[in-house]
Amino acid sequence: MSKRLVESFIQSPYHVNDLSCWRHEVQLMINQVVQHYFQLPRNIQNSISFMKLFDTYRKNLNIAGFESVTHYCMVMAKITDHLLTFLSSEAKQVPQLYYYQRQEELLEEREPSISLNVELTEYSSKLYTMKKYLLLADEKLIKLFQLVMSVYSVHVYGNLPDKVQIVTLLDGKAYEYSPTMEDVMLGQQYVKDLKETKKRQESWGRRL
């Protein structure tokens, strides 16, 4: 398995698949907002803190990359509304046991060079759930993401999550899936195919 390629895909599938630049940039912004929001003390995980974080990272976006100023405003409005709704709900439900620091400790024990790209991981005595907030995704991308997340979990944590949840923020929808070891094999094959595709793209790029 290509660890770096898996990390890159989980961080932003729009970049891996060479889709529209604005999607990739917005996805990175979402990653930063969510990660830093859950690193805040629980007593200040609220709408005010969220808006401060959102405004901070939104300033890094290049508006010229969007279709128009109107398009930029529409995307920001939808993401703000849906992400705040989901994060407010998560702040009440995530077990106190969960911390980003806890996940970082696990990563250090197993693989020091693996960076944290999964926005939210819930731990409890009975459940282990991995969650990712995406800008948008069709049915195919959602399925691929669930497969790659399963591969990532087995590689980093040594076991499958009970559930993989994907939240798409442009439409405010949530998708839930219980992975199997068959999904891990399918995910590994997809990563292998993706790696070969990237190699061919790089090879053609050197010829140009």
N, C-alpha and C. Protein backbone atom coordinates (compact mmCIF):
# COMPACT_ATOMS: atom_id res chain seq x y z
N MET A 1 0.83 -1.20 0.00
CA MET A 1 0.00 0.00 0.00
C MET A 1 0.87 1.25 0.00
N SER A 2 0.49 2.23 -0.82
CA SER A 2 1.21 3.50 -0.85
C SER A 2 0.65 4.39 0.25
N LYS A 3 1.38 4.49 1.36
CA LYS A 3 0.91 5.26 2.51
C LYS A 3 0.66 6.72 2.14
N ARG A 4 1.60 7.31 1.40
CA ARG A 4 1.48 8.72 1.06
C ARG A 4 0.28 8.98 0.15
N LEU A 5 0.02 8.07 -0.76
CA LEU A 5 -1.10 8.23 -1.68
C LEU A 5 -2.44 8.11 -0.93
N VAL A 6 -2.51 7.18 0.01
CA VAL A 6 -3.71 7.03 0.82
C VAL A 6 -3.96 8.30 1.63
N GLU A 7 -2.93 8.83 2.25
CA GLU A 7 -3.06 10.06 3.02
C GLU A 7 -3.52 11.22 2.15
N SER A 8 -2.93 11.32 0.96
CA SER A 8 -3.28 12.40 0.04
C SER A 8 -4.74 12.31 -0.38
N PHE A 9 -5.22 11.09 -0.64
CA PHE A 9 -6.60 10.88 -1.05
C PHE A 9 -7.56 11.25 0.08
N ILE A 10 -7.25 10.82 1.31
CA ILE A 10 -8.11 11.11 2.44
C ILE A 10 -8.13 12.61 2.73
N GLN A 11 -7.01 13.25 2.58
CA GLN A 11 -6.94 14.68 2.81
C GLN A 11 -7.80 15.44 1.80
N SER A 12 -7.68 15.08 0.53
CA SER A 12 -8.48 15.75 -0.50
C SER A 12 -8.51 14.90 -1.76
N PRO A 13 -9.62 14.20 -2.01
CA PRO A 13 -9.73 13.37 -3.22
C PRO A 13 -9.78 14.21 -4.48
N TYR A 14 -10.12 15.49 -4.37
CA TYR A 14 -10.20 16.36 -5.54
C TYR A 14 -8.81 16.63 -6.10
N HIS A 15 -7.85 16.69 -5.23
CA HIS A 15 -6.47 16.90 -5.68
C HIS A 15 -5.92 15.63 -6.34
N VAL A 16 -6.17 14.49 -5.73
CA VAL A 16 -5.67 13.22 -6.26
C VAL A 16 -6.22 12.96 -7.66
N ASN A 17 -7.51 13.29 -7.84
CA ASN A 17 -8.14 13.03 -9.13
C ASN A 17 -8.05 14.20 -10.10
N ASP A 18 -7.24 15.21 -9.73
CA ASP A 18 -7.01 16.34 -10.63
C ASP A 18 -8.30 17.04 -11.05
N LEU A 19 -9.23 17.23 -10.11
CA LEU A 19 -10.45 17.95 -10.40
C LEU A 19 -10.24 19.44 -10.15
N SER A 20 -11.32 20.18 -10.19
CA SER A 20 -11.28 21.63 -10.09
C SER A 20 -10.47 22.10 -8.88
N CYS A 21 -9.62 23.09 -9.12
CA CYS A 21 -8.71 23.57 -8.07
C CYS A 21 -9.47 24.12 -6.87
N TRP A 22 -10.58 24.84 -7.09
CA TRP A 22 -11.29 25.44 -5.96
C TRP A 22 -11.80 24.39 -5.00
N ARG A 23 -12.17 23.23 -5.51
CA ARG A 23 -12.65 22.16 -4.64
C ARG A 23 -11.55 21.68 -3.70
N HIS A 24 -10.37 21.54 -4.24
CA HIS A 24 -9.23 21.10 -3.43
C HIS A 24 -8.92 22.12 -2.33
N GLU A 25 -8.88 23.38 -2.69
CA GLU A 25 -8.56 24.43 -1.72
C GLU A 25 -9.62 24.52 -0.62
N VAL A 26 -10.89 24.41 -1.01
CA VAL A 26 -11.96 24.46 -0.01
C VAL A 26 -11.91 23.25 0.91
N GLN A 27 -11.56 22.07 0.35
CA GLN A 27 -11.46 20.87 1.18
C GLN A 27 -10.36 21.02 2.22
N LEU A 28 -9.23 21.59 1.84
CA LEU A 28 -8.16 21.81 2.80
C LEU A 28 -8.60 22.77 3.90
N MET A 29 -9.39 23.79 3.53
CA MET A 29 -9.91 24.73 4.51
C MET A 29 -10.83 24.01 5.50
N ILE A 30 -11.70 23.14 4.97
CA ILE A 30 -12.61 22.37 5.83
C ILE A 30 -11.81 21.51 6.81
N ASN A 31 -10.77 20.85 6.30
CA ASN A 31 -9.93 20.02 7.16
C ASN A 31 -9.37 20.82 8.33
N GLN A 32 -8.87 22.01 8.03
CA GLN A 32 -8.25 22.83 9.07
C GLN A 32 -9.28 23.31 10.09
N VAL A 33 -10.43 23.75 9.62
CA VAL A 33 -11.46 24.25 10.53
C VAL A 33 -11.92 23.15 11.48
N VAL A 34 -12.22 21.97 10.92
CA VAL A 34 -12.74 20.88 11.76
C VAL A 34 -11.70 20.39 12.75
N GLN A 35 -10.48 20.20 12.28
CA GLN A 35 -9.44 19.70 13.17
C GLN A 35 -9.21 20.66 14.33
N HIS A 36 -9.08 21.94 14.04
CA HIS A 36 -8.79 22.90 15.09
C HIS A 36 -10.00 23.14 16.00
N TYR A 37 -11.18 22.98 15.46
CA TYR A 37 -12.39 23.13 16.29
C TYR A 37 -12.41 22.07 17.38
N PHE A 38 -12.10 20.82 17.03
CA PHE A 38 -12.12 19.76 18.02
C PHE A 38 -10.89 19.73 18.91
N GLN A 39 -9.91 20.55 18.60
CA GLN A 39 -8.77 20.70 19.50
C GLN A 39 -9.02 21.76 20.56
N LEU A 40 -10.10 22.52 20.39
CA LEU A 40 -10.47 23.52 21.38
C LEU A 40 -10.99 22.82 22.65
N PRO A 41 -10.86 23.46 23.80
CA PRO A 41 -11.50 22.92 25.00
C PRO A 41 -13.00 22.78 24.76
N ARG A 42 -13.59 21.76 25.30
CA ARG A 42 -14.99 21.47 25.02
C ARG A 42 -15.93 22.60 25.43
N ASN A 43 -15.54 23.35 26.45
CA ASN A 43 -16.44 24.42 26.92
C ASN A 43 -16.48 25.63 25.99
N ILE A 44 -15.58 25.69 24.99
CA ILE A 44 -15.65 26.78 24.02
C ILE A 44 -15.85 26.26 22.59
N GLN A 45 -16.29 25.03 22.48
CA GLN A 45 -16.68 24.51 21.17
C GLN A 45 -18.10 25.00 20.88
N ASN A 46 -18.19 26.18 20.31
CA ASN A 46 -19.49 26.80 20.06
C ASN A 46 -19.47 27.56 18.74
N SER A 47 -20.59 28.18 18.41
CA SER A 47 -20.73 28.86 17.12
C SER A 47 -19.76 30.04 16.98
N ILE A 48 -19.48 30.73 18.08
CA ILE A 48 -18.56 31.87 18.02
C ILE A 48 -17.15 31.40 17.66
N SER A 49 -16.68 30.35 18.34
CA SER A 49 -15.35 29.80 18.05
C SER A 49 -15.29 29.27 16.62
N PHE A 50 -16.37 28.62 16.21
CA PHE A 50 -16.41 28.08 14.85
C PHE A 50 -16.28 29.20 13.82
N MET A 51 -17.04 30.28 13.97
CA MET A 51 -17.00 31.36 12.99
C MET A 51 -15.63 32.04 12.96
N LYS A 52 -14.97 32.14 14.11
CA LYS A 52 -13.63 32.72 14.13
C LYS A 52 -12.66 31.85 13.33
N LEU A 53 -12.74 30.53 13.54
CA LEU A 53 -11.87 29.61 12.80
C LEU A 53 -12.19 29.65 11.31
N PHE A 54 -13.47 29.63 11.00
CA PHE A 54 -13.89 29.63 9.59
C PHE A 54 -13.39 30.89 8.89
N ASP A 55 -13.54 32.04 9.52
CA ASP A 55 -13.09 33.29 8.91
C ASP A 55 -11.57 33.32 8.75
N THR A 56 -10.87 32.74 9.72
CA THR A 56 -9.40 32.70 9.65
C THR A 56 -8.92 31.92 8.44
N TYR A 57 -9.46 30.73 8.24
CA TYR A 57 -8.99 29.88 7.15
C TYR A 57 -9.62 30.24 5.81
N ARG A 58 -10.79 30.86 5.84
CA ARG A 58 -11.43 31.28 4.60
C ARG A 58 -10.60 32.34 3.88
N LYS A 59 -9.87 33.14 4.63
CA LYS A 59 -9.06 34.21 4.04
C LYS A 59 -7.93 33.67 3.16
N ASN A 60 -7.58 32.40 3.34
CA ASN A 60 -6.51 31.81 2.53
C ASN A 60 -6.97 31.36 1.15
N LEU A 61 -8.28 31.35 0.92
CA LEU A 61 -8.82 30.90 -0.36
C LEU A 61 -8.60 31.95 -1.44
N ASN A 62 -8.36 31.48 -2.65
CA ASN A 62 -8.21 32.36 -3.81
C ASN A 62 -9.56 32.46 -4.51
N ILE A 63 -10.22 33.59 -4.36
CA ILE A 63 -11.56 33.76 -4.94
C ILE A 63 -11.52 33.62 -6.46
N ALA A 64 -10.40 33.96 -7.05
CA ALA A 64 -10.27 33.88 -8.52
C ALA A 64 -10.42 32.44 -9.02
N GLY A 65 -10.24 31.47 -8.14
CA GLY A 65 -10.35 30.07 -8.55
C GLY A 65 -11.79 29.61 -8.70
N PHE A 66 -12.74 30.41 -8.20
CA PHE A 66 -14.16 30.05 -8.30
C PHE A 66 -14.74 30.54 -9.62
N GLU A 67 -15.91 30.05 -9.94
CA GLU A 67 -16.56 30.42 -11.19
C GLU A 67 -16.91 31.90 -11.22
N SER A 68 -17.25 32.45 -10.07
CA SER A 68 -17.60 33.87 -9.95
C SER A 68 -17.64 34.22 -8.47
N VAL A 69 -17.76 35.51 -8.17
CA VAL A 69 -17.89 35.94 -6.78
C VAL A 69 -19.18 35.38 -6.18
N THR A 70 -20.23 35.34 -7.00
CA THR A 70 -21.51 34.79 -6.54
C THR A 70 -21.36 33.32 -6.18
N HIS A 71 -20.61 32.57 -7.01
CA HIS A 71 -20.37 31.15 -6.74
C HIS A 71 -19.61 30.98 -5.44
N TYR A 72 -18.59 31.80 -5.22
CA TYR A 72 -17.81 31.75 -3.98
C TYR A 72 -18.70 31.98 -2.76
N CYS A 73 -19.54 33.01 -2.82
CA CYS A 73 -20.42 33.34 -1.70
C CYS A 73 -21.42 32.21 -1.43
N MET A 74 -21.92 31.59 -2.50
CA MET A 74 -22.87 30.50 -2.35
C MET A 74 -22.23 29.30 -1.67
N VAL A 75 -21.02 28.94 -2.11
CA VAL A 75 -20.30 27.81 -1.53
C VAL A 75 -20.00 28.07 -0.06
N MET A 76 -19.50 29.26 0.25
CA MET A 76 -19.17 29.58 1.64
C MET A 76 -20.40 29.56 2.53
N ALA A 77 -21.53 30.07 2.02
CA ALA A 77 -22.76 30.10 2.82
C ALA A 77 -23.24 28.69 3.15
N LYS A 78 -23.22 27.81 2.16
CA LYS A 78 -23.70 26.44 2.37
C LYS A 78 -22.78 25.68 3.32
N ILE A 79 -21.47 25.83 3.13
CA ILE A 79 -20.52 25.13 4.00
C ILE A 79 -20.65 25.62 5.43
N THR A 80 -20.74 26.92 5.60
CA THR A 80 -20.86 27.49 6.95
C THR A 80 -22.08 26.94 7.67
N ASP A 81 -23.21 26.97 6.99
CA ASP A 81 -24.46 26.52 7.59
C ASP A 81 -24.42 25.04 7.95
N HIS A 82 -24.03 24.19 6.98
CA HIS A 82 -24.05 22.74 7.20
C HIS A 82 -22.97 22.29 8.18
N LEU A 83 -21.77 22.85 8.06
CA LEU A 83 -20.68 22.43 8.95
C LEU A 83 -20.96 22.83 10.39
N LEU A 84 -21.49 24.03 10.60
CA LEU A 84 -21.81 24.46 11.95
C LEU A 84 -22.89 23.56 12.56
N THR A 85 -23.86 23.17 11.75
CA THR A 85 -24.93 22.29 12.23
C THR A 85 -24.36 20.94 12.67
N PHE A 86 -23.51 20.35 11.83
CA PHE A 86 -22.94 19.04 12.15
C PHE A 86 -21.98 19.11 13.33
N LEU A 87 -21.14 20.14 13.38
CA LEU A 87 -20.17 20.24 14.47
C LEU A 87 -20.87 20.50 15.80
N SER A 88 -21.93 21.28 15.78
CA SER A 88 -22.68 21.54 17.02
C SER A 88 -23.27 20.25 17.55
N SER A 89 -23.74 19.40 16.65
CA SER A 89 -24.29 18.11 17.03
C SER A 89 -23.19 17.19 17.56
N GLU A 90 -22.03 17.19 16.90
CA GLU A 90 -20.92 16.32 17.31
C GLU A 90 -20.39 16.70 18.68
N ALA A 91 -20.36 17.99 18.97
CA ALA A 91 -19.81 18.45 20.24
C ALA A 91 -20.59 17.87 21.42
N LYS A 92 -21.87 17.55 21.19
CA LYS A 92 -22.70 17.00 22.25
C LYS A 92 -22.59 15.48 22.33
N GLN A 93 -22.23 14.84 21.20
CA GLN A 93 -22.29 13.39 21.13
C GLN A 93 -20.94 12.69 21.29
N VAL A 94 -19.85 13.34 20.85
CA VAL A 94 -18.55 12.69 20.89
C VAL A 94 -18.16 12.37 22.32
N PRO A 95 -17.77 11.14 22.62
CA PRO A 95 -17.38 10.76 23.98
C PRO A 95 -16.23 11.62 24.49
N GLN A 96 -16.22 11.89 25.78
CA GLN A 96 -15.16 12.71 26.37
C GLN A 96 -13.79 12.07 26.15
N LEU A 97 -13.80 10.75 25.95
CA LEU A 97 -12.55 10.02 25.73
C LEU A 97 -11.84 10.49 24.48
N TYR A 98 -12.60 11.04 23.53
CA TYR A 98 -12.01 11.42 22.25
C TYR A 98 -11.24 12.74 22.34
N TYR A 99 -10.00 12.70 21.85
CA TYR A 99 -9.20 13.91 21.68
C TYR A 99 -8.33 13.70 20.45
N TYR A 100 -7.99 14.78 19.76
CA TYR A 100 -7.03 14.64 18.66
C TYR A 100 -5.69 14.18 19.22
N GLN A 101 -5.37 14.64 20.42
CA GLN A 101 -4.10 14.23 21.02
C GLN A 101 -4.04 12.72 21.20
N ARG A 102 -5.17 12.13 21.52
CA ARG A 102 -5.21 10.68 21.72
C ARG A 102 -4.91 9.98 20.40
N GLN A 103 -5.48 10.48 19.31
CA GLN A 103 -5.22 9.84 18.02
C GLN A 103 -3.75 10.03 17.63
N GLU A 104 -3.19 11.19 17.94
CA GLU A 104 -1.79 11.43 17.62
C GLU A 104 -0.89 10.46 18.37
N GLU A 105 -1.25 10.15 19.62
CA GLU A 105 -0.47 9.19 20.40
C GLU A 105 -0.50 7.81 19.74
N LEU A 106 -1.67 7.42 19.28
CA LEU A 106 -1.80 6.13 18.61
C LEU A 106 -0.94 6.08 17.36
N LEU A 107 -0.94 7.18 16.63
CA LEU A 107 -0.16 7.23 15.40
C LEU A 107 1.34 7.16 15.71
N GLU A 108 1.74 7.82 16.77
CA GLU A 108 3.15 7.81 17.14
C GLU A 108 3.59 6.40 17.52
N GLU A 109 2.72 5.66 18.18
CA GLU A 109 3.06 4.31 18.60
C GLU A 109 3.21 3.37 17.41
N ARG A 110 2.38 3.59 16.37
CA ARG A 110 2.35 2.64 15.25
C ARG A 110 3.18 3.11 14.06
N GLU A 111 3.07 4.40 13.73
CA GLU A 111 3.71 4.89 12.52
C GLU A 111 3.96 6.38 12.66
N PRO A 112 5.12 6.78 13.15
CA PRO A 112 5.38 8.19 13.44
C PRO A 112 5.21 9.13 12.25
N SER A 113 5.40 8.64 11.02
CA SER A 113 5.38 9.53 9.87
C SER A 113 3.99 9.73 9.27
N ILE A 114 2.98 9.05 9.80
CA ILE A 114 1.63 9.20 9.26
C ILE A 114 0.97 10.44 9.87
N SER A 115 0.51 11.32 9.01
CA SER A 115 -0.11 12.55 9.49
C SER A 115 -1.60 12.33 9.72
N LEU A 116 -2.21 13.24 10.45
CA LEU A 116 -3.62 13.12 10.80
C LEU A 116 -4.47 13.77 9.72
N ASN A 117 -5.23 12.97 8.98
CA ASN A 117 -6.08 13.49 7.91
C ASN A 117 -7.55 13.18 8.13
N VAL A 118 -7.86 12.30 9.05
CA VAL A 118 -9.24 11.96 9.33
C VAL A 118 -9.76 12.96 10.36
N GLU A 119 -10.77 13.71 9.98
CA GLU A 119 -11.20 14.82 10.81
C GLU A 119 -11.74 14.41 12.17
N LEU A 120 -12.45 13.30 12.23
CA LEU A 120 -13.08 12.94 13.49
C LEU A 120 -13.07 11.44 13.69
N THR A 121 -12.56 11.02 14.81
CA THR A 121 -12.60 9.61 15.17
C THR A 121 -13.21 9.49 16.54
N GLU A 122 -14.24 8.69 16.68
CA GLU A 122 -14.93 8.52 17.94
C GLU A 122 -14.49 7.21 18.59
N TYR A 123 -14.20 7.29 19.88
CA TYR A 123 -13.84 6.10 20.63
C TYR A 123 -14.85 5.89 21.75
N SER A 124 -15.25 4.67 21.96
CA SER A 124 -16.05 4.33 23.13
C SER A 124 -15.76 2.87 23.44
N SER A 125 -16.35 2.36 24.49
CA SER A 125 -16.09 0.98 24.88
C SER A 125 -16.64 -0.01 23.86
N LYS A 126 -17.62 0.42 23.06
CA LYS A 126 -18.27 -0.51 22.14
C LYS A 126 -18.09 -0.15 20.67
N LEU A 127 -17.85 1.11 20.37
CA LEU A 127 -17.82 1.54 18.98
C LEU A 127 -16.53 2.27 18.62
N TYR A 128 -16.14 2.13 17.38
CA TYR A 128 -15.00 2.85 16.83
C TYR A 128 -15.45 3.35 15.47
N THR A 129 -15.66 4.65 15.34
CA THR A 129 -16.20 5.24 14.13
C THR A 129 -15.24 6.26 13.54
N MET A 130 -15.01 6.15 12.24
CA MET A 130 -14.19 7.14 11.53
C MET A 130 -15.11 8.00 10.69
N LYS A 131 -14.85 9.30 10.71
CA LYS A 131 -15.72 10.23 9.99
C LYS A 131 -14.88 11.21 9.18
N LYS A 132 -15.42 11.58 8.03
CA LYS A 132 -14.73 12.55 7.18
C LYS A 132 -15.74 13.54 6.62
N TYR A 133 -15.41 14.83 6.75
CA TYR A 133 -16.23 15.88 6.16
C TYR A 133 -15.67 16.22 4.78
N LEU A 134 -16.47 16.02 3.75
CA LEU A 134 -16.08 16.34 2.38
C LEU A 134 -16.90 17.51 1.86
N LEU A 135 -16.34 18.22 0.91
CA LEU A 135 -17.07 19.31 0.27
C LEU A 135 -18.29 18.76 -0.46
N LEU A 136 -18.08 17.82 -1.36
CA LEU A 136 -19.16 17.18 -2.10
C LEU A 136 -18.64 15.86 -2.64
N ALA A 137 -19.56 14.97 -2.99
CA ALA A 137 -19.16 13.66 -3.50
C ALA A 137 -20.36 12.98 -4.16
N ASP A 138 -20.10 12.29 -5.25
CA ASP A 138 -21.15 11.48 -5.84
C ASP A 138 -21.09 10.08 -5.22
N GLU A 139 -21.98 9.21 -5.65
CA GLU A 139 -22.07 7.87 -5.07
C GLU A 139 -20.76 7.10 -5.21
N LYS A 140 -20.11 7.25 -6.36
CA LYS A 140 -18.86 6.52 -6.61
C LYS A 140 -17.75 6.99 -5.67
N LEU A 141 -17.61 8.30 -5.51
CA LEU A 141 -16.56 8.82 -4.65
C LEU A 141 -16.81 8.45 -3.19
N ILE A 142 -18.06 8.47 -2.78
CA ILE A 142 -18.39 8.08 -1.40
C ILE A 142 -17.97 6.64 -1.14
N LYS A 143 -18.26 5.75 -2.10
CA LYS A 143 -17.88 4.34 -1.95
C LYS A 143 -16.37 4.19 -1.92
N LEU A 144 -15.66 4.88 -2.81
CA LEU A 144 -14.20 4.80 -2.83
C LEU A 144 -13.62 5.32 -1.52
N PHE A 145 -14.20 6.37 -1.00
CA PHE A 145 -13.71 6.94 0.25
C PHE A 145 -13.89 5.96 1.40
N GLN A 146 -15.02 5.29 1.42
CA GLN A 146 -15.27 4.30 2.47
C GLN A 146 -14.25 3.17 2.38
N LEU A 147 -13.91 2.75 1.17
CA LEU A 147 -12.93 1.69 0.99
C LEU A 147 -11.53 2.13 1.44
N VAL A 148 -11.13 3.32 1.03
CA VAL A 148 -9.80 3.82 1.38
C VAL A 148 -9.70 4.08 2.88
N MET A 149 -10.77 4.57 3.50
CA MET A 149 -10.77 4.77 4.95
C MET A 149 -10.60 3.45 5.68
N SER A 150 -11.19 2.39 5.13
CA SER A 150 -11.05 1.06 5.74
C SER A 150 -9.60 0.60 5.66
N VAL A 151 -8.97 0.83 4.51
CA VAL A 151 -7.56 0.48 4.33
C VAL A 151 -6.70 1.26 5.33
N TYR A 152 -6.96 2.53 5.43
CA TYR A 152 -6.22 3.40 6.35
C TYR A 152 -6.34 2.92 7.79
N SER A 153 -7.55 2.57 8.19
CA SER A 153 -7.80 2.13 9.56
C SER A 153 -7.03 0.86 9.89
N VAL A 154 -7.09 -0.11 8.99
CA VAL A 154 -6.38 -1.37 9.22
C VAL A 154 -4.88 -1.14 9.27
N HIS A 155 -4.38 -0.27 8.39
CA HIS A 155 -2.94 -0.02 8.33
C HIS A 155 -2.45 0.73 9.57
N VAL A 156 -3.22 1.71 10.04
CA VAL A 156 -2.78 2.56 11.15
C VAL A 156 -3.16 1.99 12.51
N TYR A 157 -4.42 1.53 12.64
CA TYR A 157 -4.92 1.08 13.93
C TYR A 157 -4.91 -0.43 14.10
N GLY A 158 -4.76 -1.15 12.98
CA GLY A 158 -4.70 -2.60 13.09
C GLY A 158 -6.04 -3.29 13.10
N ASN A 159 -7.12 -2.53 12.87
CA ASN A 159 -8.44 -3.17 12.84
C ASN A 159 -9.43 -2.29 12.05
N LEU A 160 -10.55 -2.90 11.69
CA LEU A 160 -11.59 -2.17 10.95
C LEU A 160 -12.43 -1.32 11.90
N PRO A 161 -12.88 -0.15 11.45
CA PRO A 161 -13.82 0.61 12.25
C PRO A 161 -15.19 -0.05 12.19
N ASP A 162 -16.00 0.17 13.20
CA ASP A 162 -17.37 -0.35 13.16
C ASP A 162 -18.18 0.36 12.09
N LYS A 163 -17.88 1.65 11.92
CA LYS A 163 -18.58 2.42 10.91
C LYS A 163 -17.65 3.44 10.27
N VAL A 164 -17.92 3.74 9.01
CA VAL A 164 -17.26 4.85 8.32
C VAL A 164 -18.37 5.81 7.91
N GLN A 165 -18.26 7.06 8.32
CA GLN A 165 -19.27 8.07 8.00
C GLN A 165 -18.67 9.15 7.12
N ILE A 166 -19.39 9.49 6.07
CA ILE A 166 -18.98 10.54 5.16
C ILE A 166 -20.06 11.62 5.19
N VAL A 167 -19.65 12.86 5.43
CA VAL A 167 -20.59 13.98 5.44
C VAL A 167 -20.23 14.92 4.29
N THR A 168 -21.19 15.22 3.42
CA THR A 168 -20.95 16.14 2.31
C THR A 168 -21.60 17.48 2.64
N LEU A 169 -20.79 18.53 2.60
CA LEU A 169 -21.21 19.81 3.16
C LEU A 169 -21.96 20.73 2.20
N LEU A 170 -21.82 20.54 0.90
CA LEU A 170 -22.58 21.40 -0.01
C LEU A 170 -24.07 21.08 0.03
N ASP A 171 -24.38 19.78 0.26
CA ASP A 171 -25.79 19.41 0.32
C ASP A 171 -26.24 19.02 1.73
N GLY A 172 -25.31 18.98 2.68
CA GLY A 172 -25.67 18.70 4.06
C GLY A 172 -26.14 17.27 4.30
N LYS A 173 -25.60 16.30 3.55
CA LYS A 173 -26.02 14.91 3.70
C LYS A 173 -24.94 14.09 4.40
N ALA A 174 -25.38 13.02 5.07
CA ALA A 174 -24.47 12.13 5.77
C ALA A 174 -24.69 10.70 5.30
N TYR A 175 -23.58 9.96 5.10
CA TYR A 175 -23.64 8.58 4.63
C TYR A 175 -22.88 7.70 5.61
N GLU A 176 -23.45 6.56 5.94
CA GLU A 176 -22.85 5.66 6.93
C GLU A 176 -22.69 4.26 6.35
N TYR A 177 -21.57 3.62 6.69
CA TYR A 177 -21.28 2.31 6.11
C TYR A 177 -20.49 1.49 7.11
N SER A 178 -20.81 0.21 7.19
CA SER A 178 -20.07 -0.72 8.05
C SER A 178 -19.14 -1.56 7.18
N PRO A 179 -17.84 -1.31 7.21
CA PRO A 179 -16.89 -1.99 6.32
C PRO A 179 -16.60 -3.43 6.73
N THR A 180 -16.12 -4.19 5.75
CA THR A 180 -15.70 -5.58 5.96
C THR A 180 -14.28 -5.74 5.44
N MET A 181 -13.67 -6.89 5.68
CA MET A 181 -12.33 -7.13 5.17
C MET A 181 -12.31 -7.19 3.64
N GLU A 182 -13.44 -7.53 3.05
CA GLU A 182 -13.53 -7.50 1.59
C GLU A 182 -13.36 -6.06 1.08
N ASP A 183 -13.89 -5.12 1.84
CA ASP A 183 -13.73 -3.71 1.48
C ASP A 183 -12.26 -3.30 1.54
N VAL A 184 -11.53 -3.86 2.49
CA VAL A 184 -10.11 -3.55 2.60
C VAL A 184 -9.37 -4.04 1.36
N MET A 185 -9.69 -5.24 0.91
CA MET A 185 -9.05 -5.77 -0.30
C MET A 185 -9.40 -4.93 -1.52
N LEU A 186 -10.66 -4.54 -1.64
CA LEU A 186 -11.07 -3.68 -2.75
C LEU A 186 -10.38 -2.33 -2.67
N GLY A 187 -10.27 -1.80 -1.45
CA GLY A 187 -9.59 -0.53 -1.26
C GLY A 187 -8.12 -0.60 -1.61
N GLN A 188 -7.47 -1.68 -1.25
CA GLN A 188 -6.06 -1.85 -1.59
C GLN A 188 -5.86 -1.92 -3.10
N GLN A 189 -6.80 -2.58 -3.79
CA GLN A 189 -6.70 -2.67 -5.25
C GLN A 189 -6.91 -1.29 -5.87
N TYR A 190 -7.83 -0.51 -5.31
CA TYR A 190 -8.05 0.84 -5.85
C TYR A 190 -6.81 1.71 -5.65
N VAL A 191 -6.20 1.61 -4.47
CA VAL A 191 -4.98 2.39 -4.21
C VAL A 191 -3.88 1.97 -5.18
N LYS A 192 -3.79 0.67 -5.45
CA LYS A 192 -2.79 0.18 -6.40
C LYS A 192 -3.04 0.75 -7.79
N ASP A 193 -4.31 0.73 -8.22
CA ASP A 193 -4.66 1.29 -9.54
C ASP A 193 -4.40 2.78 -9.59
N LEU A 194 -4.71 3.47 -8.50
CA LEU A 194 -4.49 4.91 -8.43
C LEU A 194 -3.01 5.24 -8.51
N LYS A 195 -2.21 4.42 -7.86
CA LYS A 195 -0.77 4.62 -7.89
C LYS A 195 -0.23 4.47 -9.31
N GLU A 196 -0.72 3.47 -10.03
CA GLU A 196 -0.28 3.26 -11.42
C GLU A 196 -0.71 4.42 -12.30
N THR A 197 -1.93 4.93 -12.05
CA THR A 197 -2.41 6.07 -12.83
C THR A 197 -1.53 7.29 -12.60
N LYS A 198 -1.17 7.54 -11.34
CA LYS A 198 -0.32 8.68 -11.03
C LYS A 198 1.06 8.54 -11.67
N LYS A 199 1.56 7.32 -11.71
CA LYS A 199 2.86 7.08 -12.33
C LYS A 199 2.81 7.41 -13.82
N ARG A 200 1.71 6.98 -14.47
CA ARG A 200 1.57 7.27 -15.91
C ARG A 200 1.45 8.77 -16.15
N GLN A 201 0.71 9.45 -15.29
CA GLN A 201 0.56 10.89 -15.44
C GLN A 201 1.91 11.60 -15.28
N GLU A 202 2.69 11.17 -14.30
CA GLU A 202 4.01 11.77 -14.08
C GLU A 202 4.94 11.47 -15.24
N SER A 203 4.83 10.26 -15.79
CA SER A 203 5.66 9.87 -16.92
C SER A 203 5.35 10.73 -18.14
N TRP A 204 4.05 10.93 -18.43
CA TRP A 204 3.66 11.77 -19.54
C TRP A 204 4.06 13.22 -19.31
N GLY A 205 4.00 13.66 -18.05
CA GLY A 205 4.37 15.03 -17.74
C GLY A 205 5.84 15.28 -18.01
N ARG A 206 6.69 14.28 -17.75
CA ARG A 206 8.12 14.46 -18.01
C ARG A 206 8.42 14.49 -19.50
N ARG A 207 7.55 13.89 -20.32
CA ARG A 207 7.77 13.86 -21.75
C ARG A 207 7.38 15.15 -22.44
N LEU A 208 6.49 15.91 -21.78
CA LEU A 208 6.00 17.14 -22.39
C LEU A 208 7.05 18.26 -22.30
